[in-house]
């Protein structure tokens, strides 16, 4: 699982990489399954109805949070 995660992260760019930099410190030791669910939840909102809920944490409102490093994507 660690190899898959490392490969996935090295191929990220733009919004996905910014999301990863925000998300990964908040989810240390995450499994591949949890990572893929969170990634799909973030970037495939049309599939949220078939994805399990990852956790109660939601991303901050990117437009109103000056501390966010994520640009609105």
PDB file of N, CA and C in Angstrom:
ATOM      1  N   UNK A   1       0.815  -1.204   0.000  1.00  0.00           N
ATOM      2  CA  UNK A   1       0.000   0.000   0.000  1.00  0.00           C
ATOM      3  C   UNK A   1       0.855   1.262   0.000  1.00  0.00           C
ATOM      4  N   UNK A   2       1.958   1.240   0.712  1.00  0.00           N
ATOM      5  CA  UNK A   2       2.805   2.430   0.771  1.00  0.00           C
ATOM      6  C   UNK A   2       3.384   2.765  -0.596  1.00  0.00           C
ATOM      7  N   UNK A   3       3.721   1.731  -1.363  1.00  0.00           N
ATOM      8  CA  UNK A   3       4.268   1.969  -2.696  1.00  0.00           C
ATOM      9  C   UNK A   3       3.219   2.593  -3.614  1.00  0.00           C
ATOM     10  N   UNK A   4       1.990   2.102  -3.520  1.00  0.00           N
ATOM     11  CA  UNK A   4       0.913   2.669  -4.344  1.00  0.00           C
ATOM     12  C   UNK A   4       0.676   4.125  -3.981  1.00  0.00           C
ATOM     13  N   UNK A   5       0.683   4.418  -2.690  1.00  0.00           N
ATOM     14  CA  UNK A   5       0.466   5.784  -2.232  1.00  0.00           C
ATOM     15  C   UNK A   5       1.588   6.692  -2.735  1.00  0.00           C
ATOM     16  N   UNK A   6       2.823   6.244  -2.600  1.00  0.00           N
ATOM     17  CA  UNK A   6       3.961   7.048  -3.044  1.00  0.00           C
ATOM     18  C   UNK A   6       3.883   7.317  -4.543  1.00  0.00           C
ATOM     19  N   UNK A   7       3.545   6.318  -5.318  1.00  0.00           N
ATOM     20  CA  UNK A   7       3.429   6.495  -6.760  1.00  0.00           C
ATOM     21  C   UNK A   7       2.306   7.466  -7.108  1.00  0.00           C
ATOM     22  N   UNK A   8       1.181   7.318  -6.455  1.00  0.00           N
ATOM     23  CA  UNK A   8       0.048   8.215  -6.719  1.00  0.00           C
ATOM     24  C   UNK A   8       0.415   9.661  -6.416  1.00  0.00           C
ATOM     25  N   UNK A   9       1.083   9.882  -5.304  1.00  0.00           N
ATOM     26  CA  UNK A   9       1.434  11.247  -4.909  1.00  0.00           C
ATOM     27  C   UNK A   9       2.460  11.846  -5.866  1.00  0.00           C
ATOM     28  N   UNK A  10       3.405  11.050  -6.340  1.00  0.00           N
ATOM     29  CA  UNK A  10       4.420  11.596  -7.247  1.00  0.00           C
ATOM     30  C   UNK A  10       3.827  11.988  -8.595  1.00  0.00           C
ATOM     31  N   UNK A  11       2.674  11.452  -8.933  1.00  0.00           N
ATOM     32  CA  UNK A  11       2.054  11.814 -10.210  1.00  0.00           C
ATOM     33  C   UNK A  11       1.070  12.970 -10.078  1.00  0.00           C
ATOM     34  N   UNK A  12       0.814  13.419  -8.852  1.00  0.00           N
ATOM     35  CA  UNK A  12      -0.143  14.509  -8.640  1.00  0.00           C
ATOM     36  C   UNK A  12       0.454  15.853  -9.030  1.00  0.00           C
ATOM     37  N   UNK A  13      -0.433  16.729  -9.479  1.00  0.00           N
ATOM     38  CA  UNK A  13      -0.043  18.108  -9.765  1.00  0.00           C
ATOM     39  C   UNK A  13      -1.268  18.994  -9.574  1.00  0.00           C
ATOM     40  N   UNK A  14      -1.057  20.281  -9.612  1.00  0.00           N
ATOM     41  CA  UNK A  14      -2.159  21.231  -9.541  1.00  0.00           C
ATOM     42  C   UNK A  14      -3.019  21.060  -8.306  1.00  0.00           C
ATOM     43  N   UNK A  15      -4.323  21.064  -8.519  1.00  0.00           N
ATOM     44  CA  UNK A  15      -5.295  20.981  -7.420  1.00  0.00           C
ATOM     45  C   UNK A  15      -5.148  19.698  -6.614  1.00  0.00           C
ATOM     46  N   UNK A  16      -4.857  18.603  -7.273  1.00  0.00           N
ATOM     47  CA  UNK A  16      -4.719  17.331  -6.555  1.00  0.00           C
ATOM     48  C   UNK A  16      -3.539  17.378  -5.591  1.00  0.00           C
ATOM     49  N   UNK A  17      -2.427  17.936  -6.022  1.00  0.00           N
ATOM     50  CA  UNK A  17      -1.260  18.033  -5.154  1.00  0.00           C
ATOM     51  C   UNK A  17      -1.516  18.993  -3.999  1.00  0.00           C
ATOM     52  N   UNK A  18      -2.166  20.097  -4.275  1.00  0.00           N
ATOM     53  CA  UNK A  18      -2.510  21.041  -3.203  1.00  0.00           C
ATOM     54  C   UNK A  18      -3.438  20.383  -2.198  1.00  0.00           C
ATOM     55  N   UNK A  19      -4.413  19.627  -2.684  1.00  0.00           N
ATOM     56  CA  UNK A  19      -5.314  18.903  -1.791  1.00  0.00           C
ATOM     57  C   UNK A  19      -4.527  17.911  -0.942  1.00  0.00           C
ATOM     58  N   UNK A  20      -3.632  17.160  -1.560  1.00  0.00           N
ATOM     59  CA  UNK A  20      -2.837  16.168  -0.830  1.00  0.00           C
ATOM     60  C   UNK A  20      -2.028  16.821   0.285  1.00  0.00           C
ATOM     61  N   UNK A  21      -1.424  17.953  -0.021  1.00  0.00           N
ATOM     62  CA  UNK A  21      -0.625  18.652   0.998  1.00  0.00           C
ATOM     63  C   UNK A  21      -1.484  19.130   2.156  1.00  0.00           C
ATOM     64  N   UNK A  22      -2.730  19.443   1.908  1.00  0.00           N
ATOM     65  CA  UNK A  22      -3.652  19.827   2.975  1.00  0.00           C
ATOM     66  C   UNK A  22      -4.156  18.591   3.723  1.00  0.00           C
ATOM     67  N   UNK A  23      -4.518  17.557   2.975  1.00  0.00           N
ATOM     68  CA  UNK A  23      -5.201  16.397   3.536  1.00  0.00           C
ATOM     69  C   UNK A  23      -4.272  15.443   4.277  1.00  0.00           C
ATOM     70  N   UNK A  24      -3.088  15.171   3.743  1.00  0.00           N
ATOM     71  CA  UNK A  24      -2.227  14.121   4.293  1.00  0.00           C
ATOM     72  C   UNK A  24      -1.774  14.362   5.733  1.00  0.00           C
ATOM     73  N   UNK A  25      -1.421  15.578   6.147  1.00  0.00           N
ATOM     74  CA  UNK A  25      -1.038  15.747   7.556  1.00  0.00           C
ATOM     75  C   UNK A  25      -2.193  15.493   8.528  1.00  0.00           C
ATOM     76  N   UNK A  26      -3.403  15.628   8.050  1.00  0.00           N
ATOM     77  CA  UNK A  26      -4.576  15.413   8.893  1.00  0.00           C
ATOM     78  C   UNK A  26      -4.982  13.940   8.970  1.00  0.00           C
ATOM     79  N   UNK A  27      -4.356  13.116   8.132  1.00  0.00           N
ATOM     80  CA  UNK A  27      -4.697  11.691   8.074  1.00  0.00           C
ATOM     81  C   UNK A  27      -3.429  10.839   8.011  1.00  0.00           C
ATOM     82  N   UNK A  28      -2.599  10.888   9.054  1.00  0.00           N
ATOM     83  CA  UNK A  28      -1.358  10.093   9.019  1.00  0.00           C
ATOM     84  C   UNK A  28      -1.662   8.595   9.053  1.00  0.00           C
ATOM     85  N   UNK A  29      -0.855   7.845   8.348  1.00  0.00           N
ATOM     86  CA  UNK A  29      -1.011   6.396   8.348  1.00  0.00           C
ATOM     87  C   UNK A  29      -2.266   5.891   7.666  1.00  0.00           C
ATOM     88  N   UNK A  30      -2.808   6.690   6.770  1.00  0.00           N
ATOM     89  CA  UNK A  30      -4.050   6.332   6.091  1.00  0.00           C
ATOM     90  C   UNK A  30      -3.833   5.131   5.164  1.00  0.00           C
ATOM     91  N   UNK A  31      -4.852   4.315   5.025  1.00  0.00           N
ATOM     92  CA  UNK A  31      -4.775   3.158   4.129  1.00  0.00           C
ATOM     93  C   UNK A  31      -5.011   3.597   2.683  1.00  0.00           C
ATOM     94  N   UNK A  32      -4.621   2.727   1.764  1.00  0.00           N
ATOM     95  CA  UNK A  32      -4.854   2.989   0.345  1.00  0.00           C
ATOM     96  C   UNK A  32      -6.347   3.163   0.078  1.00  0.00           C
ATOM     97  N   UNK A  33      -7.157   2.313   0.674  1.00  0.00           N
ATOM     98  CA  UNK A  33      -8.601   2.378   0.477  1.00  0.00           C
ATOM     99  C   UNK A  33      -9.158   3.722   0.949  1.00  0.00           C
ATOM    100  N   UNK A  34      -8.759   4.161   2.125  1.00  0.00           N
ATOM    101  CA  UNK A  34      -9.241   5.432   2.657  1.00  0.00           C
ATOM    102  C   UNK A  34      -8.768   6.595   1.782  1.00  0.00           C
ATOM    103  N   UNK A  35      -7.530   6.528   1.318  1.00  0.00           N
ATOM    104  CA  UNK A  35      -6.992   7.563   0.439  1.00  0.00           C
ATOM    105  C   UNK A  35      -7.805   7.660  -0.850  1.00  0.00           C
ATOM    106  N   UNK A  36      -8.085   6.527  -1.471  1.00  0.00           N
ATOM    107  CA  UNK A  36      -8.817   6.573  -2.740  1.00  0.00           C
ATOM    108  C   UNK A  36     -10.244   7.075  -2.547  1.00  0.00           C
ATOM    109  N   UNK A  37     -10.862   6.705  -1.434  1.00  0.00           N
ATOM    110  CA  UNK A  37     -12.212   7.210  -1.156  1.00  0.00           C
ATOM    111  C   UNK A  37     -12.179   8.723  -0.977  1.00  0.00           C
ATOM    112  N   UNK A  38     -11.221   9.210  -0.199  1.00  0.00           N
ATOM    113  CA  UNK A  38     -11.117  10.654   0.039  1.00  0.00           C
ATOM    114  C   UNK A  38     -10.820  11.408  -1.257  1.00  0.00           C
ATOM    115  N   UNK A  39      -9.951  10.848  -2.084  1.00  0.00           N
ATOM    116  CA  UNK A  39      -9.615  11.479  -3.361  1.00  0.00           C
ATOM    117  C   UNK A  39     -10.835  11.554  -4.272  1.00  0.00           C
ATOM    118  N   UNK A  40     -11.559  10.471  -4.363  1.00  0.00           N
ATOM    119  CA  UNK A  40     -12.774  10.471  -5.179  1.00  0.00           C
ATOM    120  C   UNK A  40     -13.832  11.407  -4.606  1.00  0.00           C
ATOM    121  N   UNK A  41     -13.951  11.441  -3.275  1.00  0.00           N
ATOM    122  CA  UNK A  41     -14.916  12.329  -2.622  1.00  0.00           C
ATOM    123  C   UNK A  41     -14.616  13.776  -2.994  1.00  0.00           C
ATOM    124  N   UNK A  42     -13.332  14.117  -3.034  1.00  0.00           N
ATOM    125  CA  UNK A  42     -12.934  15.499  -3.326  1.00  0.00           C
ATOM    126  C   UNK A  42     -13.096  15.851  -4.804  1.00  0.00           C
ATOM    127  N   UNK A  43     -12.688  14.951  -5.690  1.00  0.00           N
ATOM    128  CA  UNK A  43     -12.600  15.299  -7.107  1.00  0.00           C
ATOM    129  C   UNK A  43     -13.686  14.680  -7.984  1.00  0.00           C
ATOM    130  N   UNK A  44     -14.524  13.828  -7.442  1.00  0.00           N
ATOM    131  CA  UNK A  44     -15.639  13.245  -8.199  1.00  0.00           C
ATOM    132  C   UNK A  44     -16.927  13.409  -7.401  1.00  0.00           C
ATOM    133  N   UNK A  45     -17.341  14.639  -7.131  1.00  0.00           N
ATOM    134  CA  UNK A  45     -18.518  14.856  -6.281  1.00  0.00           C
ATOM    135  C   UNK A  45     -19.777  14.181  -6.816  1.00  0.00           C
ATOM    136  N   UNK A  46     -19.837  13.946  -8.104  1.00  0.00           N
ATOM    137  CA  UNK A  46     -21.018  13.286  -8.668  1.00  0.00           C
ATOM    138  C   UNK A  46     -21.135  11.831  -8.201  1.00  0.00           C
ATOM    139  N   UNK A  47     -20.053  11.264  -7.664  1.00  0.00           N
ATOM    140  CA  UNK A  47     -20.074   9.881  -7.178  1.00  0.00           C
ATOM    141  C   UNK A  47     -20.249   9.779  -5.670  1.00  0.00           C
ATOM    142  N   UNK A  48     -20.435  10.893  -4.984  1.00  0.00           N
ATOM    143  CA  UNK A  48     -20.530  10.861  -3.522  1.00  0.00           C
ATOM    144  C   UNK A  48     -21.673   9.995  -3.018  1.00  0.00           C
ATOM    145  N   UNK A  49     -22.719   9.881  -3.797  1.00  0.00           N
ATOM    146  CA  UNK A  49     -23.855   9.069  -3.340  1.00  0.00           C
ATOM    147  C   UNK A  49     -23.527   7.579  -3.270  1.00  0.00           C
ATOM    148  N   UNK A  50     -22.457   7.138  -3.920  1.00  0.00           N
ATOM    149  CA  UNK A  50     -22.079   5.724  -3.856  1.00  0.00           C
ATOM    150  C   UNK A  50     -20.815   5.490  -3.031  1.00  0.00           C
ATOM    151  N   UNK A  51     -20.183   6.566  -2.568  1.00  0.00           N
ATOM    152  CA  UNK A  51     -18.970   6.441  -1.762  1.00  0.00           C
ATOM    153  C   UNK A  51     -19.328   6.416  -0.280  1.00  0.00           C
ATOM    154  N   UNK A  52     -18.592   5.622   0.493  1.00  0.00           N
ATOM    155  CA  UNK A  52     -18.823   5.671   1.938  1.00  0.00           C
ATOM    156  C   UNK A  52     -18.342   7.008   2.486  1.00  0.00           C
ATOM    157  N   UNK A  53     -18.936   7.450   3.576  1.00  0.00           N
ATOM    158  CA  UNK A  53     -18.495   8.685   4.215  1.00  0.00           C
ATOM    159  C   UNK A  53     -17.147   8.400   4.852  1.00  0.00           C
ATOM    160  N   UNK A  54     -16.163   9.246   4.541  1.00  0.00           N
ATOM    161  CA  UNK A  54     -14.800   9.011   5.003  1.00  0.00           C
ATOM    162  C   UNK A  54     -14.683   9.280   6.499  1.00  0.00           C
ATOM    163  N   UNK A  55     -15.077  10.454   6.934  1.00  0.00           N
ATOM    164  CA  UNK A  55     -15.075  10.825   8.343  1.00  0.00           C
ATOM    165  C   UNK A  55     -15.899  12.090   8.493  1.00  0.00           C
ATOM    166  N   UNK A  56     -15.950  12.607   9.699  1.00  0.00           N
ATOM    167  CA  UNK A  56     -16.755  13.800   9.944  1.00  0.00           C
ATOM    168  C   UNK A  56     -16.044  15.078   9.546  1.00  0.00           C
ATOM    169  N   UNK A  57     -14.758  14.984   9.237  1.00  0.00           N
ATOM    170  CA  UNK A  57     -13.996  16.164   8.875  1.00  0.00           C
ATOM    171  C   UNK A  57     -14.348  16.587   7.456  1.00  0.00           C
ATOM    172  N   UNK A  58     -14.615  17.844   7.293  1.00  0.00           N
ATOM    173  CA  UNK A  58     -14.862  18.383   5.963  1.00  0.00           C
ATOM    174  C   UNK A  58     -13.805  19.422   5.665  1.00  0.00           C
ATOM    175  N   UNK A  59     -13.550  19.614   4.397  1.00  0.00           N
ATOM    176  CA  UNK A  59     -12.595  20.634   4.012  1.00  0.00           C
ATOM    177  C   UNK A  59     -13.143  22.002   4.363  1.00  0.00           C
ATOM    178  N   UNK A  60     -12.276  22.887   4.854  1.00  0.00           N
ATOM    179  CA  UNK A  60     -12.734  24.249   5.133  1.00  0.00           C
ATOM    180  C   UNK A  60     -13.192  24.935   3.862  1.00  0.00           C
ATOM    181  N   UNK A  61     -14.015  25.925   4.026  1.00  0.00           N
ATOM    182  CA  UNK A  61     -14.459  26.713   2.882  1.00  0.00           C
ATOM    183  C   UNK A  61     -13.241  27.416   2.305  1.00  0.00           C
ATOM    184  N   UNK A  62     -12.853  27.015   1.124  1.00  0.00           N
ATOM    185  CA  UNK A  62     -11.621  27.512   0.528  1.00  0.00           C
ATOM    186  C   UNK A  62     -11.682  28.995   0.199  1.00  0.00           C
ATOM    187  N   UNK A  63     -12.857  29.521  -0.044  1.00  0.00           N
ATOM    188  CA  UNK A  63     -12.973  30.925  -0.416  1.00  0.00           C
ATOM    189  C   UNK A  63     -12.867  31.844   0.795  1.00  0.00           C
ATOM    190  N   UNK A  64     -13.263  31.358   1.975  1.00  0.00           N
ATOM    191  CA  UNK A  64     -13.314  32.233   3.134  1.00  0.00           C
ATOM    192  C   UNK A  64     -12.193  32.004   4.135  1.00  0.00           C
ATOM    193  N   UNK A  65     -11.351  31.017   3.928  1.00  0.00           N
ATOM    194  CA  UNK A  65     -10.298  30.723   4.883  1.00  0.00           C
ATOM    195  C   UNK A  65      -8.957  31.253   4.398  1.00  0.00           C
ATOM    196  N   UNK A  66      -8.454  32.340   5.011  1.00  0.00           N
ATOM    197  CA  UNK A  66      -7.178  32.897   4.565  1.00  0.00           C
ATOM    198  C   UNK A  66      -6.002  31.988   4.872  1.00  0.00           C
ATOM    199  N   UNK A  67      -6.170  31.025   5.766  1.00  0.00           N
ATOM    200  CA  UNK A  67      -5.078  30.141   6.127  1.00  0.00           C
ATOM    201  C   UNK A  67      -4.938  28.957   5.189  1.00  0.00           C
ATOM    202  N   UNK A  68      -5.903  28.776   4.322  1.00  0.00           N
ATOM    203  CA  UNK A  68      -5.860  27.639   3.411  1.00  0.00           C
ATOM    204  C   UNK A  68      -4.780  27.834   2.362  1.00  0.00           C
ATOM    205  N   UNK A  69      -4.035  26.759   2.118  1.00  0.00           N
ATOM    206  CA  UNK A  69      -3.031  26.788   1.067  1.00  0.00           C
ATOM    207  C   UNK A  69      -3.600  26.281  -0.246  1.00  0.00           C
ATOM    208  N   UNK A  70      -4.818  25.798  -0.211  1.00  0.00           N
ATOM    209  CA  UNK A  70      -5.450  25.254  -1.408  1.00  0.00           C
ATOM    210  C   UNK A  70      -6.143  26.385  -2.154  1.00  0.00           C
ATOM    211  N   UNK A  71      -5.840  26.529  -3.402  1.00  0.00           N
ATOM    212  CA  UNK A  71      -6.596  27.460  -4.233  1.00  0.00           C
ATOM    213  C   UNK A  71      -7.917  26.804  -4.573  1.00  0.00           C
ATOM    214  N   UNK A  72      -8.898  27.601  -4.869  1.00  0.00           N
ATOM    215  CA  UNK A  72     -10.175  27.044  -5.303  1.00  0.00           C
ATOM    216  C   UNK A  72      -9.954  26.372  -6.647  1.00  0.00           C
ATOM    217  N   UNK A  73     -10.256  25.113  -6.698  1.00  0.00           N
ATOM    218  CA  UNK A  73     -10.035  24.348  -7.937  1.00  0.00           C
ATOM    219  C   UNK A  73     -11.346  23.824  -8.463  1.00  0.00           C
TER     220      UNK A  73
END
